[in-house]
Amino acid sequence: MQTIRQLPALRAAIAALKQDGGRVAFVPTMGALHEGHLTLVREARRQADHVVASIFVNPTQFGPNEDLDAYPRREAEDAALLAGEGAALLWAPDAATMYPQGHATKISVSGLDSMLCGAARPGHFDGVATVVAKLFNQVNPDLALFGEKDWQQLAIIRRMATDCDFALEIAGVPTVREADGLAMSSRNAYLSPDQRRAAAALPRALNAASLAIAAGADVPDTLGRAKQMLLSSGFGSIDYLDLRDGSTLADSAICHPDARLFVAARIGTTRLIDNIAVGQEIPGAGQG
């Protein structure tokens, strides 16, 4: 696997991969890779001839009081994992390459960026949309894959790609979970052992609410019980626990075929997010 850090070398390498008509799949990451990321790489290999991954901890999607400096960085270990999964190329630029002096452009996806995580993290999705657009232009993939754990991010990237006429396919890959149902995330590493045990309440609450609403339970009452379960289990605060339309992300008071539950909650200093379709059951989470 090649590791490339400069844009001219990247473009030459991509051209070589595509020379014989090969299909290139792209998996953008911020590193600290786990089984969820590797699942994306495996799916990319299944759908394409060559897999390109990127590692870039994007400063423009972190707020002033967020964890940019603390975000785990372990490029050598991540590169070994990617090579082991058969990735052809790792794009690992630095901040000066991605945002050279004088960089003044940002992309904003109006509407989708102002709710859920966007309300709690102003400007976050501008940073996401801008860096992903740049990565699409740099890598020029035929296909890009993203995890469905970050459902709002996926919706924003799809809207941005459509509006900006990117000629590529965007695929969502189902959330990869731990044995107790907790969605895999690089930020899980921040949890102490006690917090990690308590964090299992998040998928349990989501699972119970999903099944109850699908069975016809009152939506506000069910969401209220789920919030209380989180707070009584050790979560300090809840940014949101909502029923929304899976396509438009519009708030919904009733269950319908495209309804999804979305949650973001904080345990200690760590903010965890998750989402599932109503009626979906999370393996390992039970109904407690």
C-alpha atoms as a PDB file:
ATOM      1  CA  MET A   1       0.000   0.000   0.000  1.00  0.00           C
ATOM      2  CA  GLN A   2       1.263   3.448  -0.940  1.00  0.00           C
ATOM      3  CA  THR A   3       1.092   6.300   1.570  1.00  0.00           C
ATOM      4  CA  ILE A   4       0.878   9.667  -0.198  1.00  0.00           C
ATOM      5  CA  ARG A   5       0.981  13.137   1.352  1.00  0.00           C
ATOM      6  CA  GLN A   6       1.178  15.542  -1.599  1.00  0.00           C
ATOM      7  CA  LEU A   7      -1.591  16.268  -4.085  1.00  0.00           C
ATOM      8  CA  PRO A   8       0.380  15.894  -7.364  1.00  0.00           C
ATOM      9  CA  ALA A   9       1.565  12.436  -6.309  1.00  0.00           C
ATOM     10  CA  LEU A  10      -1.980  11.499  -5.315  1.00  0.00           C
ATOM     11  CA  ARG A  11      -3.410  12.491  -8.683  1.00  0.00           C
ATOM     12  CA  ALA A  12      -0.718  10.518 -10.511  1.00  0.00           C
ATOM     13  CA  ALA A  13      -1.379   7.448  -8.362  1.00  0.00           C
ATOM     14  CA  ILE A  14      -5.157   7.659  -8.881  1.00  0.00           C
ATOM     15  CA  ALA A  15      -4.654   7.986 -12.629  1.00  0.00           C
ATOM     16  CA  ALA A  16      -2.524   4.826 -12.564  1.00  0.00           C
ATOM     17  CA  LEU A  17      -5.214   2.917 -10.654  1.00  0.00           C
ATOM     18  CA  LYS A  18      -7.819   3.979 -13.204  1.00  0.00           C
ATOM     19  CA  GLN A  19      -5.609   3.442 -16.253  1.00  0.00           C
ATOM     20  CA  ASP A  20      -7.148   0.104 -17.188  1.00  0.00           C
ATOM     21  CA  GLY A  21     -10.701   1.083 -16.308  1.00  0.00           C
ATOM     22  CA  GLY A  22     -10.423   0.052 -12.664  1.00  0.00           C
ATOM     23  CA  ARG A  23     -13.187   1.207 -10.323  1.00  0.00           C
ATOM     24  CA  VAL A  24     -11.914   3.173  -7.307  1.00  0.00           C
ATOM     25  CA  ALA A  25     -13.732   3.161  -3.976  1.00  0.00           C
ATOM     26  CA  PHE A  26     -12.917   5.757  -1.317  1.00  0.00           C
ATOM     27  CA  VAL A  27     -13.173   5.485   2.483  1.00  0.00           C
ATOM     28  CA  PRO A  28     -12.486   8.835   4.188  1.00  0.00           C
ATOM     29  CA  THR A  29     -11.549   8.639   7.886  1.00  0.00           C
ATOM     30  CA  MET A  30     -10.004  10.668  10.680  1.00  0.00           C
ATOM     31  CA  GLY A  31      -7.918   7.688  11.758  1.00  0.00           C
ATOM     32  CA  ALA A  32      -8.056   5.832  15.089  1.00  0.00           C
ATOM     33  CA  LEU A  33      -9.455   2.983  13.025  1.00  0.00           C
ATOM     34  CA  HIS A  34     -11.704   0.296  14.492  1.00  0.00           C
ATOM     35  CA  GLU A  35     -13.805  -2.547  13.158  1.00  0.00           C
ATOM     36  CA  GLY A  36     -16.395  -0.112  11.845  1.00  0.00           C
ATOM     37  CA  HIS A  37     -13.850   1.538   9.561  1.00  0.00           C
ATOM     38  CA  LEU A  38     -12.464  -1.809   8.460  1.00  0.00           C
ATOM     39  CA  THR A  39     -15.980  -2.956   7.573  1.00  0.00           C
ATOM     40  CA  LEU A  40     -16.192   0.024   5.212  1.00  0.00           C
ATOM     41  CA  VAL A  41     -12.891  -1.004   3.608  1.00  0.00           C
ATOM     42  CA  ARG A  42     -14.096  -4.583   3.143  1.00  0.00           C
ATOM     43  CA  GLU A  43     -17.314  -3.397   1.539  1.00  0.00           C
ATOM     44  CA  ALA A  44     -15.291  -1.060  -0.672  1.00  0.00           C
ATOM     45  CA  ARG A  45     -13.148  -3.977  -1.825  1.00  0.00           C
ATOM     46  CA  ARG A  46     -16.303  -5.940  -2.607  1.00  0.00           C
ATOM     47  CA  GLN A  47     -17.679  -3.170  -4.801  1.00  0.00           C
ATOM     48  CA  ALA A  48     -14.545  -1.859  -6.517  1.00  0.00           C
ATOM     49  CA  ASP A  49     -11.194  -2.854  -7.986  1.00  0.00           C
ATOM     50  CA  HIS A  50      -9.105  -0.528  -5.820  1.00  0.00           C
ATOM     51  CA  VAL A  51      -9.643   0.993  -2.373  1.00  0.00           C
ATOM     52  CA  VAL A  52      -8.276   4.388  -1.387  1.00  0.00           C
ATOM     53  CA  ALA A  53      -8.556   5.454   2.259  1.00  0.00           C
ATOM     54  CA  SER A  54      -7.721   8.802   3.776  1.00  0.00           C
ATOM     55  CA  ILE A  55      -6.652   9.813   7.260  1.00  0.00           C
ATOM     56  CA  PHE A  56      -7.060  13.476   8.076  1.00  0.00           C
ATOM     57  CA  VAL A  57      -8.144  14.910  11.431  1.00  0.00           C
ATOM     58  CA  ASN A  58     -10.078  17.836  10.030  1.00  0.00           C
ATOM     59  CA  PRO A  59      -9.715  20.933  12.233  1.00  0.00           C
ATOM     60  CA  THR A  60     -12.616  22.808  10.638  1.00  0.00           C
ATOM     61  CA  GLN A  61     -15.230  20.393  11.989  1.00  0.00           C
ATOM     62  CA  PHE A  62     -14.172  20.825  15.621  1.00  0.00           C
ATOM     63  CA  GLY A  63     -15.589  23.598  17.776  1.00  0.00           C
ATOM     64  CA  PRO A  64     -13.428  25.770  20.063  1.00  0.00           C
ATOM     65  CA  ASN A  65     -14.149  23.639  23.148  1.00  0.00           C
ATOM     66  CA  GLU A  66     -14.081  20.245  21.440  1.00  0.00           C
ATOM     67  CA  ASP A  67     -11.471  17.496  21.357  1.00  0.00           C
ATOM     68  CA  LEU A  68      -9.256  18.353  18.365  1.00  0.00           C
ATOM     69  CA  ASP A  69      -6.007  18.202  20.344  1.00  0.00           C
ATOM     70  CA  ALA A  70      -7.027  15.048  22.200  1.00  0.00           C
ATOM     71  CA  TYR A  71      -8.391  13.207  19.178  1.00  0.00           C
ATOM     72  CA  PRO A  72      -6.413   9.940  18.875  1.00  0.00           C
ATOM     73  CA  ARG A  73      -3.729   9.898  16.202  1.00  0.00           C
ATOM     74  CA  ARG A  74      -1.973   6.625  15.375  1.00  0.00           C
ATOM     75  CA  GLU A  75      -1.164   6.679  11.697  1.00  0.00           C
ATOM     76  CA  ALA A  76       1.369   3.817  11.697  1.00  0.00           C
ATOM     77  CA  GLU A  77      -1.064   1.388  13.334  1.00  0.00           C
ATOM     78  CA  ASP A  78      -3.924   2.575  11.100  1.00  0.00           C
ATOM     79  CA  ALA A  79      -1.810   2.182   7.964  1.00  0.00           C
ATOM     80  CA  ALA A  80      -0.962  -1.392   8.943  1.00  0.00           C
ATOM     81  CA  LEU A  81      -4.673  -2.174   9.398  1.00  0.00           C
ATOM     82  CA  LEU A  82      -5.530  -0.687   5.996  1.00  0.00           C
ATOM     83  CA  ALA A  83      -2.738  -2.597   4.292  1.00  0.00           C
ATOM     84  CA  GLY A  84      -3.952  -5.781   5.938  1.00  0.00           C
ATOM     85  CA  GLU A  85      -7.409  -5.209   4.450  1.00  0.00           C
ATOM     86  CA  GLY A  86      -5.992  -4.745   0.956  1.00  0.00           C
ATOM     87  CA  ALA A  87      -6.255  -0.984   0.529  1.00  0.00           C
ATOM     88  CA  ALA A  88      -4.208   0.194  -2.441  1.00  0.00           C
ATOM     89  CA  LEU A  89      -3.450   3.713  -1.244  1.00  0.00           C
ATOM     90  CA  LEU A  90      -3.539   5.855   1.880  1.00  0.00           C
ATOM     91  CA  TRP A  91      -3.999   9.605   1.374  1.00  0.00           C
ATOM     92  CA  ALA A  92      -2.583  11.277   4.496  1.00  0.00           C
ATOM     93  CA  PRO A  93      -2.244  15.027   3.921  1.00  0.00           C
ATOM     94  CA  ASP A  94      -1.415  17.548   6.619  1.00  0.00           C
ATOM     95  CA  ALA A  95      -3.503  20.617   7.447  1.00  0.00           C
ATOM     96  CA  ALA A  96      -1.341  22.918   5.333  1.00  0.00           C
ATOM     97  CA  THR A  97      -1.946  20.711   2.285  1.00  0.00           C
ATOM     98  CA  MET A  98      -5.704  20.592   2.834  1.00  0.00           C
ATOM     99  CA  TYR A  99      -6.047  24.259   3.813  1.00  0.00           C
ATOM    100  CA  PRO A 100      -3.164  26.205   2.274  1.00  0.00           C
ATOM    101  CA  GLN A 101      -2.555  29.815   3.244  1.00  0.00           C
ATOM    102  CA  GLY A 102      -5.390  32.012   1.997  1.00  0.00           C
ATOM    103  CA  HIS A 103      -7.998  29.233   1.921  1.00  0.00           C
ATOM    104  CA  ALA A 104     -11.332  31.041   2.258  1.00  0.00           C
ATOM    105  CA  THR A 105     -14.037  28.746   0.882  1.00  0.00           C
ATOM    106  CA  LYS A 106     -16.524  26.658   2.810  1.00  0.00           C
ATOM    107  CA  ILE A 107     -19.566  24.615   1.845  1.00  0.00           C
ATOM    108  CA  SER A 108     -22.795  24.807   3.836  1.00  0.00           C
ATOM    109  CA  VAL A 109     -25.772  22.479   3.337  1.00  0.00           C
ATOM    110  CA  SER A 110     -28.658  24.596   4.540  1.00  0.00           C
ATOM    111  CA  GLY A 111     -31.465  23.003   6.505  1.00  0.00           C
ATOM    112  CA  LEU A 112     -29.957  19.593   7.148  1.00  0.00           C
ATOM    113  CA  ASP A 113     -27.083  21.165   9.083  1.00  0.00           C
ATOM    114  CA  SER A 114     -29.149  23.119  11.632  1.00  0.00           C
ATOM    115  CA  MET A 115     -30.799  20.260  13.562  1.00  0.00           C
ATOM    116  CA  LEU A 116     -29.683  17.316  15.702  1.00  0.00           C
ATOM    117  CA  CYS A 117     -25.867  17.450  15.912  1.00  0.00           C
ATOM    118  CA  GLY A 118     -25.869  20.692  13.949  1.00  0.00           C
ATOM    119  CA  ALA A 119     -27.799  22.466  16.710  1.00  0.00           C
ATOM    120  CA  ALA A 120     -25.361  21.254  19.368  1.00  0.00           C
ATOM    121  CA  ARG A 121     -22.228  21.801  17.249  1.00  0.00           C
ATOM    122  CA  PRO A 122     -22.629  25.027  15.214  1.00  0.00           C
ATOM    123  CA  GLY A 123     -20.426  25.033  12.104  1.00  0.00           C
ATOM    124  CA  HIS A 124     -19.526  21.358  12.446  1.00  0.00           C
ATOM    125  CA  PHE A 125     -21.225  20.253   9.253  1.00  0.00           C
ATOM    126  CA  ASP A 126     -19.769  23.176   7.270  1.00  0.00           C
ATOM    127  CA  GLY A 127     -16.382  21.682   8.133  1.00  0.00           C
ATOM    128  CA  VAL A 128     -17.538  18.195   7.192  1.00  0.00           C
ATOM    129  CA  ALA A 129     -19.077  19.223   3.855  1.00  0.00           C
ATOM    130  CA  THR A 130     -16.062  21.336   2.914  1.00  0.00           C
ATOM    131  CA  VAL A 131     -13.441  18.697   3.658  1.00  0.00           C
ATOM    132  CA  VAL A 132     -15.433  15.898   2.014  1.00  0.00           C
ATOM    133  CA  ALA A 133     -15.926  17.997  -1.121  1.00  0.00           C
ATOM    134  CA  LYS A 134     -12.179  18.638  -1.231  1.00  0.00           C
ATOM    135  CA  LEU A 135     -11.435  14.944  -0.712  1.00  0.00           C
ATOM    136  CA  PHE A 136     -13.837  13.987  -3.508  1.00  0.00           C
ATOM    137  CA  ASN A 137     -12.057  16.396  -5.853  1.00  0.00           C
ATOM    138  CA  GLN A 138      -8.632  15.135  -4.798  1.00  0.00           C
ATOM    139  CA  VAL A 139      -9.306  11.392  -4.935  1.00  0.00           C
ATOM    140  CA  ASN A 140     -11.851  11.441  -7.783  1.00  0.00           C
ATOM    141  CA  PRO A 141     -13.434   8.132  -6.729  1.00  0.00           C
ATOM    142  CA  ASP A 142     -16.203   6.213  -8.448  1.00  0.00           C
ATOM    143  CA  LEU A 143     -17.711   5.274  -5.087  1.00  0.00           C
ATOM    144  CA  ALA A 144     -17.431   6.613  -1.535  1.00  0.00           C
ATOM    145  CA  LEU A 145     -18.556   4.727   1.563  1.00  0.00           C
ATOM    146  CA  PHE A 146     -19.731   6.113   4.915  1.00  0.00           C
ATOM    147  CA  GLY A 147     -21.050   4.490   8.084  1.00  0.00           C
ATOM    148  CA  GLU A 148     -24.724   4.847   8.910  1.00  0.00           C
ATOM    149  CA  LYS A 149     -23.912   5.597  12.573  1.00  0.00           C
ATOM    150  CA  ASP A 150     -23.349   9.158  11.363  1.00  0.00           C
ATOM    151  CA  TRP A 151     -26.707   9.241   9.560  1.00  0.00           C
ATOM    152  CA  GLN A 152     -27.023  13.036   9.543  1.00  0.00           C
ATOM    153  CA  GLN A 153     -23.517  13.368   8.123  1.00  0.00           C
ATOM    154  CA  LEU A 154     -24.398  10.835   5.419  1.00  0.00           C
ATOM    155  CA  ALA A 155     -27.558  12.775   4.514  1.00  0.00           C
ATOM    156  CA  ILE A 156     -25.585  16.022   4.289  1.00  0.00           C
ATOM    157  CA  ILE A 157     -22.851  14.476   2.140  1.00  0.00           C
ATOM    158  CA  ARG A 158     -25.442  12.999  -0.219  1.00  0.00           C
ATOM    159  CA  ARG A 159     -27.156  16.386  -0.554  1.00  0.00           C
ATOM    160  CA  MET A 160     -23.830  18.167  -1.095  1.00  0.00           C
ATOM    161  CA  ALA A 161     -22.713  15.643  -3.724  1.00  0.00           C
ATOM    162  CA  THR A 162     -26.012  15.983  -5.592  1.00  0.00           C
ATOM    163  CA  ASP A 163     -26.059  19.772  -5.435  1.00  0.00           C
ATOM    164  CA  CYS A 164     -22.405  20.068  -6.518  1.00  0.00           C
ATOM    165  CA  ASP A 165     -22.771  17.519  -9.353  1.00  0.00           C
ATOM    166  CA  PHE A 166     -20.145  15.082  -8.109  1.00  0.00           C
ATOM    167  CA  ALA A 167     -20.116  12.106 -10.470  1.00  0.00           C
ATOM    168  CA  LEU A 168     -19.805   9.357  -7.896  1.00  0.00           C
ATOM    169  CA  GLU A 169     -21.946   6.900  -5.982  1.00  0.00           C
ATOM    170  CA  ILE A 170     -22.310   7.322  -2.227  1.00  0.00           C
ATOM    171  CA  ALA A 171     -23.048   4.196  -0.199  1.00  0.00           C
ATOM    172  CA  GLY A 172     -24.117   3.918   3.425  1.00  0.00           C
ATOM    173  CA  VAL A 173     -22.887   0.894   5.386  1.00  0.00           C
ATOM    174  CA  PRO A 174     -24.807  -0.363   8.456  1.00  0.00           C
ATOM    175  CA  THR A 175     -23.496   0.544  11.898  1.00  0.00           C
ATOM    176  CA  VAL A 176     -20.987  -1.881  13.392  1.00  0.00           C
ATOM    177  CA  ARG A 177     -21.577  -2.551  17.095  1.00  0.00           C
ATOM    178  CA  GLU A 178     -19.900  -4.024  20.142  1.00  0.00           C
ATOM    179  CA  ALA A 179     -21.292  -7.200  21.716  1.00  0.00           C
ATOM    180  CA  ASP A 180     -23.544  -5.149  24.041  1.00  0.00           C
ATOM    181  CA  GLY A 181     -24.906  -3.076  21.156  1.00  0.00           C
ATOM    182  CA  LEU A 182     -22.841   0.090  21.612  1.00  0.00           C
ATOM    183  CA  ALA A 183     -21.993   1.595  18.238  1.00  0.00           C
ATOM    184  CA  MET A 184     -18.280   1.472  17.479  1.00  0.00           C
ATOM    185  CA  SER A 185     -16.667   4.918  17.581  1.00  0.00           C
ATOM    186  CA  SER A 186     -13.159   6.274  17.929  1.00  0.00           C
ATOM    187  CA  ARG A 187     -14.456   8.306  20.883  1.00  0.00           C
ATOM    188  CA  ASN A 188     -15.327   5.137  22.815  1.00  0.00           C
ATOM    189  CA  ALA A 189     -11.633   5.066  23.715  1.00  0.00           C
ATOM    190  CA  TYR A 190     -12.222   8.121  25.921  1.00  0.00           C
ATOM    191  CA  LEU A 191     -14.523   6.141  28.249  1.00  0.00           C
ATOM    192  CA  SER A 192     -13.259   4.836  31.587  1.00  0.00           C
ATOM    193  CA  PRO A 193     -14.135   1.192  32.353  1.00  0.00           C
ATOM    194  CA  ASP A 194     -17.098   2.304  34.508  1.00  0.00           C
ATOM    195  CA  GLN A 195     -18.300   4.726  31.839  1.00  0.00           C
ATOM    196  CA  ARG A 196     -17.964   2.058  29.155  1.00  0.00           C
ATOM    197  CA  ARG A 197     -20.192  -0.292  31.142  1.00  0.00           C
ATOM    198  CA  ALA A 198     -22.728   2.485  31.702  1.00  0.00           C
ATOM    199  CA  ALA A 199     -22.642   3.452  28.020  1.00  0.00           C
ATOM    200  CA  ALA A 200     -24.419   0.211  27.142  1.00  0.00           C
ATOM    201  CA  ALA A 201     -27.592   1.960  28.335  1.00  0.00           C
ATOM    202  CA  LEU A 202     -27.557   3.986  25.109  1.00  0.00           C
ATOM    203  CA  PRO A 203     -28.305   1.094  22.738  1.00  0.00           C
ATOM    204  CA  ARG A 204     -30.638  -0.446  25.336  1.00  0.00           C
ATOM    205  CA  ALA A 205     -32.704   2.743  25.528  1.00  0.00           C
ATOM    206  CA  LEU A 206     -32.724   3.143  21.756  1.00  0.00           C
ATOM    207  CA  ASN A 207     -33.678  -0.491  21.254  1.00  0.00           C
ATOM    208  CA  ALA A 208     -36.541  -0.364  23.775  1.00  0.00           C
ATOM    209  CA  ALA A 209     -37.919   2.859  22.266  1.00  0.00           C
ATOM    210  CA  SER A 210     -37.662   1.510  18.723  1.00  0.00           C
ATOM    211  CA  LEU A 211     -39.653  -1.619  19.519  1.00  0.00           C
ATOM    212  CA  ALA A 212     -42.207   0.212  21.656  1.00  0.00           C
ATOM    213  CA  ILE A 213     -42.948   2.861  19.022  1.00  0.00           C
ATOM    214  CA  ALA A 214     -43.194   0.204  16.318  1.00  0.00           C
ATOM    215  CA  ALA A 215     -45.762  -1.582  18.503  1.00  0.00           C
ATOM    216  CA  GLY A 216     -47.870   1.583  18.736  1.00  0.00           C
ATOM    217  CA  ALA A 217     -46.711   3.185  21.990  1.00  0.00           C
ATOM    218  CA  ASP A 218     -47.159   6.922  22.496  1.00  0.00           C
ATOM    219  CA  VAL A 219     -44.115   8.671  21.021  1.00  0.00           C
ATOM    220  CA  PRO A 220     -43.553  11.466  23.607  1.00  0.00           C
ATOM    221  CA  ASP A 221     -44.055   9.069  26.524  1.00  0.00           C
ATOM    222  CA  THR A 222     -41.682   6.517  25.000  1.00  0.00           C
ATOM    223  CA  LEU A 223     -38.988   9.100  24.338  1.00  0.00           C
ATOM    224  CA  GLY A 224     -39.382  10.424  27.869  1.00  0.00           C
ATOM    225  CA  ARG A 225     -38.842   6.954  29.330  1.00  0.00           C
ATOM    226  CA  ALA A 226     -35.779   6.431  27.139  1.00  0.00           C
ATOM    227  CA  LYS A 227     -34.280   9.728  28.320  1.00  0.00           C
ATOM    228  CA  GLN A 228     -34.896   8.805  31.935  1.00  0.00           C
ATOM    229  CA  MET A 229     -33.198   5.444  31.363  1.00  0.00           C
ATOM    230  CA  LEU A 230     -30.087   7.212  30.094  1.00  0.00           C
ATOM    231  CA  LEU A 231     -29.951   9.731  32.927  1.00  0.00           C
ATOM    232  CA  SER A 232     -30.489   7.083  35.599  1.00  0.00           C
ATOM    233  CA  SER A 233     -27.753   4.915  34.051  1.00  0.00           C
ATOM    234  CA  GLY A 234     -24.991   7.495  34.334  1.00  0.00           C
ATOM    235  CA  PHE A 235     -25.355   9.805  31.343  1.00  0.00           C
ATOM    236  CA  GLY A 236     -24.961  13.410  32.440  1.00  0.00           C
ATOM    237  CA  SER A 237     -26.966  15.111  29.697  1.00  0.00           C
ATOM    238  CA  ILE A 238     -28.885  14.423  26.509  1.00  0.00           C
ATOM    239  CA  ASP A 239     -28.485  16.692  23.506  1.00  0.00           C
ATOM    240  CA  TYR A 240     -31.427  15.048  21.753  1.00  0.00           C
ATOM    241  CA  LEU A 241     -33.443  11.861  21.553  1.00  0.00           C
ATOM    242  CA  ASP A 242     -35.847  12.382  18.658  1.00  0.00           C
ATOM    243  CA  LEU A 243     -38.091  10.586  16.219  1.00  0.00           C
ATOM    244  CA  ARG A 244     -37.434  11.978  12.756  1.00  0.00           C
ATOM    245  CA  ASP A 245     -37.910  11.309   9.065  1.00  0.00           C
ATOM    246  CA  GLY A 246     -34.955   9.267   7.846  1.00  0.00           C
ATOM    247  CA  SER A 247     -34.699  11.171   4.549  1.00  0.00           C
ATOM    248  CA  THR A 248     -35.461  14.802   5.424  1.00  0.00           C
ATOM    249  CA  LEU A 249     -34.526  14.597   9.141  1.00  0.00           C
ATOM    250  CA  ALA A 250     -37.734  16.528   9.874  1.00  0.00           C
ATOM    251  CA  ASP A 251     -39.096  16.091  13.394  1.00  0.00           C
ATOM    252  CA  SER A 252     -41.980  13.646  13.612  1.00  0.00           C
ATOM    253  CA  ALA A 253     -44.611  13.056  16.285  1.00  0.00           C
ATOM    254  CA  ILE A 254     -45.876   9.832  14.717  1.00  0.00           C
ATOM    255  CA  CYS A 255     -44.331   6.653  13.409  1.00  0.00           C
ATOM    256  CA  HIS A 256     -44.186   6.143   9.630  1.00  0.00           C
ATOM    257  CA  PRO A 257     -42.280   3.760   7.336  1.00  0.00           C
ATOM    258  CA  ASP A 258     -39.161   5.953   7.066  1.00  0.00           C
ATOM    259  CA  ALA A 259     -39.038   6.988  10.741  1.00  0.00           C
ATOM    260  CA  ARG A 260     -35.758   6.758  12.643  1.00  0.00           C
ATOM    261  CA  LEU A 261     -34.722   7.404  16.211  1.00  0.00           C
ATOM    262  CA  PHE A 262     -31.704   9.670  16.736  1.00  0.00           C
ATOM    263  CA  VAL A 263     -29.811  10.183  19.991  1.00  0.00           C
ATOM    264  CA  ALA A 264     -26.804  12.123  21.251  1.00  0.00           C
ATOM    265  CA  ALA A 265     -25.898  11.971  24.929  1.00  0.00           C
ATOM    266  CA  ARG A 266     -22.900  12.727  27.098  1.00  0.00           C
ATOM    267  CA  ILE A 267     -21.266  10.462  29.654  1.00  0.00           C
ATOM    268  CA  GLY A 268     -18.408  12.130  31.452  1.00  0.00           C
ATOM    269  CA  THR A 269     -16.787  14.345  28.824  1.00  0.00           C
ATOM    270  CA  THR A 270     -17.617  11.980  25.935  1.00  0.00           C
ATOM    271  CA  ARG A 271     -20.466  12.623  23.527  1.00  0.00           C
ATOM    272  CA  LEU A 272     -21.946   9.477  21.960  1.00  0.00           C
ATOM    273  CA  ILE A 273     -24.405   9.331  19.050  1.00  0.00           C
ATOM    274  CA  ASP A 274     -26.523   6.594  17.512  1.00  0.00           C
ATOM    275  CA  ASN A 275     -29.615   6.041  15.367  1.00  0.00           C
ATOM    276  CA  ILE A 276     -31.837   3.183  14.221  1.00  0.00           C
ATOM    277  CA  ALA A 277     -34.918   2.696  12.081  1.00  0.00           C
ATOM    278  CA  VAL A 278     -38.126   2.325  14.077  1.00  0.00           C
ATOM    279  CA  GLY A 279     -38.824  -1.373  14.506  1.00  0.00           C
ATOM    280  CA  GLN A 280     -35.156  -2.264  14.148  1.00  0.00           C
ATOM    281  CA  GLU A 281     -33.682  -4.312  16.984  1.00  0.00           C
ATOM    282  CA  ILE A 282     -30.080  -3.807  18.099  1.00  0.00           C
ATOM    283  CA  PRO A 283     -28.288  -7.152  18.580  1.00  0.00           C
ATOM    284  CA  GLY A 284     -27.026  -7.509  22.134  1.00  0.00           C
ATOM    285  CA  ALA A 285     -29.025  -4.563  23.496  1.00  0.00           C
ATOM    286  CA  GLY A 286     -32.058  -6.493  24.729  1.00  0.00           C
ATOM    287  CA  GLN A 287     -35.191  -4.648  25.740  1.00  0.00           C
ATOM    288  CA  GLY A 288     -34.219  -3.461  29.231  1.00  0.00           C
END
